Amino acid sequence: MAFTPLHDRVLVRRVESDEKTAGGLIIPESAKEKPAEGQVVAVGAGARDEDGDRIDMDVKEGDKILFGKWSGTEVTIDGEELLIMKESDIMGIIA
């Protein structure tokens, strides 16, 4: 993939949600919500502080993350739908 996010932006691939509920009911495609979990595909170098020094990113490629339902901008890169969001839109890393 020939895409590198700039500054404190992160490129994320959504993780698909389960097809069934805990009770075993199958969820139809029309009733599914877009998942708020994803895997980090690429990260920028980090924002700069007032002195011009880089602020290190807290996430790295491969991290599984949780983000807000309406976070990010949907883009298609190499035929794959991905999200670009600021690091501040990420709520946490899933261990």
Protein backbone atom coordinates (compact mmCIF):
# COMPACT_ATOMS: atom_id res chain seq x y z
CA MET A 1 0.00 0.00 0.00
CA ALA A 2 1.45 3.33 -1.04
CA PHE A 3 -0.21 5.58 1.55
CA THR A 4 1.31 7.21 4.61
CA PRO A 5 -0.84 9.38 6.90
CA LEU A 6 0.55 12.76 7.88
CA HIS A 7 1.06 14.23 11.35
CA ASP A 8 -1.15 12.59 14.01
CA ARG A 9 -3.44 10.75 11.59
CA VAL A 10 -4.02 7.00 11.61
CA LEU A 11 -5.21 4.66 8.83
CA VAL A 12 -7.61 2.01 10.21
CA ARG A 13 -9.21 -1.15 8.82
CA ARG A 14 -12.57 -1.93 10.45
CA VAL A 15 -12.89 -5.29 12.21
CA GLU A 16 -16.11 -7.04 11.19
CA SER A 17 -18.67 -7.69 13.92
CA ASP A 18 -20.12 -11.08 14.81
CA GLU A 19 -22.83 -12.63 12.65
CA LYS A 20 -24.67 -13.98 15.73
CA THR A 21 -25.74 -12.66 19.11
CA ALA A 22 -24.61 -14.30 22.35
CA GLY A 23 -27.95 -16.16 22.39
CA GLY A 24 -27.35 -17.59 18.91
CA LEU A 25 -29.64 -15.34 16.86
CA ILE A 26 -28.32 -14.50 13.39
CA ILE A 27 -28.07 -10.75 12.74
CA PRO A 28 -29.17 -9.80 9.20
CA GLU A 29 -26.88 -7.53 7.17
CA SER A 30 -29.48 -4.71 7.22
CA ALA A 31 -29.54 -4.62 11.04
CA LYS A 32 -25.78 -4.53 11.60
CA GLU A 33 -24.10 -1.35 12.77
CA LYS A 34 -20.68 -0.35 11.55
CA PRO A 35 -18.15 -1.69 14.04
CA ALA A 36 -16.24 0.70 16.25
CA GLU A 37 -13.23 -1.60 16.43
CA GLY A 38 -10.39 -1.65 13.98
CA GLN A 39 -6.80 -2.52 13.28
CA VAL A 40 -4.20 0.16 12.67
CA VAL A 41 -2.79 -0.14 9.14
CA ALA A 42 -0.46 2.88 9.13
CA VAL A 43 0.40 5.85 11.38
CA GLY A 44 1.81 9.30 10.75
CA ALA A 45 5.02 10.60 12.29
CA GLY A 46 3.14 12.51 15.00
CA ALA A 47 2.06 16.09 15.57
CA ARG A 48 4.47 18.83 16.60
CA ASP A 49 4.35 20.77 19.85
CA GLU A 50 4.82 24.55 20.18
CA ASP A 51 8.61 24.18 20.10
CA GLY A 52 8.51 22.13 16.87
CA ASP A 53 9.39 18.82 18.54
CA ARG A 54 7.53 15.68 17.47
CA ILE A 55 4.98 14.20 19.85
CA ASP A 56 5.28 10.40 19.69
CA MET A 57 2.21 8.43 18.63
CA ASP A 58 0.64 6.12 21.25
CA VAL A 59 -0.57 3.61 18.63
CA LYS A 60 1.45 1.60 16.13
CA GLU A 61 0.74 -0.58 13.10
CA GLY A 62 -1.09 -3.77 14.04
CA ASP A 63 -2.74 -2.41 17.21
CA LYS A 64 -6.42 -3.34 17.68
CA ILE A 65 -8.27 -0.18 18.69
CA LEU A 66 -11.65 1.12 19.79
CA PHE A 67 -12.90 4.40 18.29
CA GLY A 68 -16.03 6.55 18.29
CA LYS A 69 -19.00 5.52 16.16
CA TRP A 70 -18.77 8.59 13.93
CA SER A 71 -14.97 8.96 13.98
CA GLY A 72 -12.83 9.27 10.90
CA THR A 73 -13.29 9.75 7.19
CA GLU A 74 -14.02 6.77 4.96
CA VAL A 75 -11.64 6.37 2.02
CA THR A 76 -10.98 3.66 -0.57
CA ILE A 77 -7.33 2.78 -1.10
CA ASP A 78 -6.33 -0.04 -3.46
CA GLY A 79 -10.00 -1.12 -3.60
CA GLU A 80 -10.27 -1.50 0.19
CA GLU A 81 -12.52 0.67 2.39
CA LEU A 82 -10.51 2.18 5.24
CA LEU A 83 -10.81 5.04 7.74
CA ILE A 84 -8.47 7.96 8.31
CA MET A 85 -8.77 9.55 11.74
CA LYS A 86 -6.79 11.65 14.16
CA GLU A 87 -5.14 9.80 17.00
CA SER A 88 -7.32 11.76 19.46
CA ASP A 89 -10.42 10.01 17.98
CA ILE A 90 -9.10 6.68 19.26
CA MET A 91 -10.51 5.76 22.66
CA GLY A 92 -8.08 2.99 23.48
CA ILE A 93 -6.04 -0.04 22.51
CA ILE A 94 -7.63 -3.47 22.96
CA ALA A 95 -5.18 -5.92 24.56
